Amino acid sequence: MSVDQIATDGISLTEVAAAKVKQLVEMEGVDDLALRISVAPGGCSGLRYQLALDDRELDGDVTRDFFGVNVVTDRMSAPYLMGATIDFVDTIEQQGFTIDNPNAAGSCACGDSFH
């Protein structure tokens, strides 16, 4: 694990991704937004990731702080996300959040769905 990344209870958020989330929260103008990460049926591989800024607290949510950003996962998604690392890339080829998930048996070309 690199120094710029902290892992707690399976999910980790890099410092770069945390900075981007903070920027997005500032743009929304609402202080108590968290990054909600979940897994839903769909996509070409069977499951797909969902990332959203959210102010809800649902029964069974697991919340962790990474570099000042609250990351929330619901109890149904947590097993699929154990060990996953959320990062943000900004290169000439790609821009956006990426999820490196060791639980994914395979993924599609778009990188948004897995099985």
Protein backbone atom coordinates (compact mmCIF):
# COMPACT_ATOMS: atom_id res chain seq x y z
CA MET A 1 0.00 0.00 0.00
CA SER A 2 1.38 3.42 -0.89
CA VAL A 3 1.79 6.27 1.56
CA ASP A 4 -0.88 8.37 -0.23
CA GLN A 5 -3.58 5.77 0.38
CA ILE A 6 -5.27 4.55 3.55
CA ALA A 7 -7.34 1.35 3.62
CA THR A 8 -10.06 0.74 6.19
CA ASP A 9 -12.49 -2.17 6.19
CA GLY A 10 -11.78 -3.13 2.63
CA ILE A 11 -12.38 0.04 0.63
CA SER A 12 -9.69 2.64 0.13
CA LEU A 13 -9.77 6.10 -1.40
CA THR A 14 -6.55 7.65 -2.67
CA GLU A 15 -5.56 11.14 -1.66
CA VAL A 16 -5.97 12.29 -5.28
CA ALA A 17 -9.54 10.93 -5.38
CA ALA A 18 -10.31 12.53 -2.01
CA ALA A 19 -9.14 15.91 -3.31
CA LYS A 20 -11.42 15.56 -6.35
CA VAL A 21 -14.40 14.63 -4.15
CA LYS A 22 -13.72 17.69 -1.96
CA GLN A 23 -13.69 19.84 -5.10
CA LEU A 24 -17.03 18.38 -6.26
CA VAL A 25 -18.58 18.89 -2.80
CA GLU A 26 -17.46 22.53 -2.83
CA MET A 27 -19.06 22.98 -6.26
CA GLU A 28 -22.36 21.60 -4.88
CA GLY A 29 -22.22 24.10 -2.02
CA VAL A 30 -23.40 21.55 0.57
CA ASP A 31 -20.95 20.73 3.37
CA ASP A 32 -22.26 17.37 4.60
CA LEU A 33 -22.12 15.38 1.36
CA ALA A 34 -20.37 12.02 1.35
CA LEU A 35 -19.15 9.86 -1.52
CA ARG A 36 -21.57 6.92 -1.73
CA ILE A 37 -20.17 3.84 -3.46
CA SER A 38 -22.49 0.98 -4.28
CA VAL A 39 -22.91 -1.98 -6.58
CA ALA A 40 -26.07 -2.50 -8.63
CA PRO A 41 -27.25 -5.11 -11.13
CA GLY A 42 -26.59 -4.13 -14.73
CA GLY A 43 -23.81 -3.40 -17.13
CA CYS A 44 -22.50 -5.82 -19.72
CA SER A 45 -20.75 -7.94 -17.09
CA GLY A 46 -23.61 -8.29 -14.58
CA LEU A 47 -22.81 -5.67 -11.92
CA ARG A 48 -21.91 -2.02 -12.15
CA TYR A 49 -20.47 0.55 -9.79
CA GLN A 50 -22.39 3.61 -8.70
CA LEU A 51 -20.63 6.65 -7.27
CA ALA A 52 -22.59 9.68 -6.13
CA LEU A 53 -22.47 12.55 -3.68
CA ASP A 54 -25.10 11.83 -1.06
CA ASP A 55 -26.38 13.34 2.19
CA ARG A 56 -28.54 10.35 3.20
CA GLU A 57 -27.82 7.96 6.05
CA LEU A 58 -29.34 4.53 5.40
CA ASP A 59 -29.71 1.67 7.85
CA GLY A 60 -26.62 -0.53 7.65
CA ASP A 61 -24.37 2.07 6.01
CA VAL A 62 -20.66 1.84 6.70
CA THR A 63 -18.95 5.24 6.74
CA ARG A 64 -15.19 5.82 6.75
CA ASP A 65 -13.12 8.98 6.53
CA PHE A 66 -10.33 9.21 3.96
CA PHE A 67 -8.32 12.44 3.92
CA GLY A 68 -11.34 14.40 5.20
CA VAL A 69 -13.86 12.78 2.85
CA ASN A 70 -16.63 10.53 4.16
CA VAL A 71 -17.05 7.40 2.03
CA VAL A 72 -20.32 5.52 2.51
CA THR A 73 -21.12 1.96 1.44
CA ASP A 74 -24.38 0.12 2.01
CA ARG A 75 -24.23 -3.33 3.62
CA MET A 76 -25.33 -5.13 0.44
CA SER A 77 -22.50 -3.61 -1.64
CA ALA A 78 -19.75 -3.94 0.97
CA PRO A 79 -18.83 -7.60 0.21
CA TYR A 80 -18.36 -6.78 -3.48
CA LEU A 81 -16.10 -3.84 -2.64
CA MET A 82 -13.75 -5.42 -0.08
CA GLY A 83 -10.21 -4.48 -1.07
CA ALA A 84 -11.32 -2.05 -3.80
CA THR A 85 -9.31 1.12 -4.36
CA ILE A 86 -11.01 4.23 -5.70
CA ASP A 87 -8.71 6.65 -7.49
CA PHE A 88 -9.05 9.65 -9.79
CA VAL A 89 -7.05 9.89 -13.00
CA ASP A 90 -6.63 12.91 -15.22
CA THR A 91 -4.53 12.07 -18.25
CA ILE A 92 -4.75 12.72 -21.95
CA GLU A 93 -6.29 9.26 -22.41
CA GLN A 94 -8.68 9.17 -19.46
CA GLN A 95 -10.33 11.38 -16.88
CA GLY A 96 -12.51 10.24 -14.04
CA PHE A 97 -12.80 7.96 -11.05
CA THR A 98 -11.39 4.46 -11.39
CA ILE A 99 -12.06 1.42 -9.22
CA ASP A 100 -9.47 -1.31 -8.86
CA ASN A 101 -11.43 -4.23 -7.41
CA PRO A 102 -9.69 -7.54 -6.64
CA ASN A 103 -13.13 -9.20 -6.24
CA ALA A 104 -14.06 -8.61 -9.88
CA ALA A 105 -13.75 -11.88 -11.79
CA GLY A 106 -13.86 -9.93 -15.05
CA SER A 107 -14.92 -6.59 -16.43
CA CYS A 108 -16.11 -5.03 -19.65
CA ALA A 109 -14.14 -2.70 -21.88
CA CYS A 110 -15.75 0.42 -20.42
CA GLY A 111 -14.51 -0.47 -16.92
CA ASP A 112 -17.85 0.42 -15.34
CA SER A 113 -19.19 -3.10 -14.88
CA PHE A 114 -17.84 -6.35 -13.53
CA HIS A 115 -18.80 -9.85 -12.42
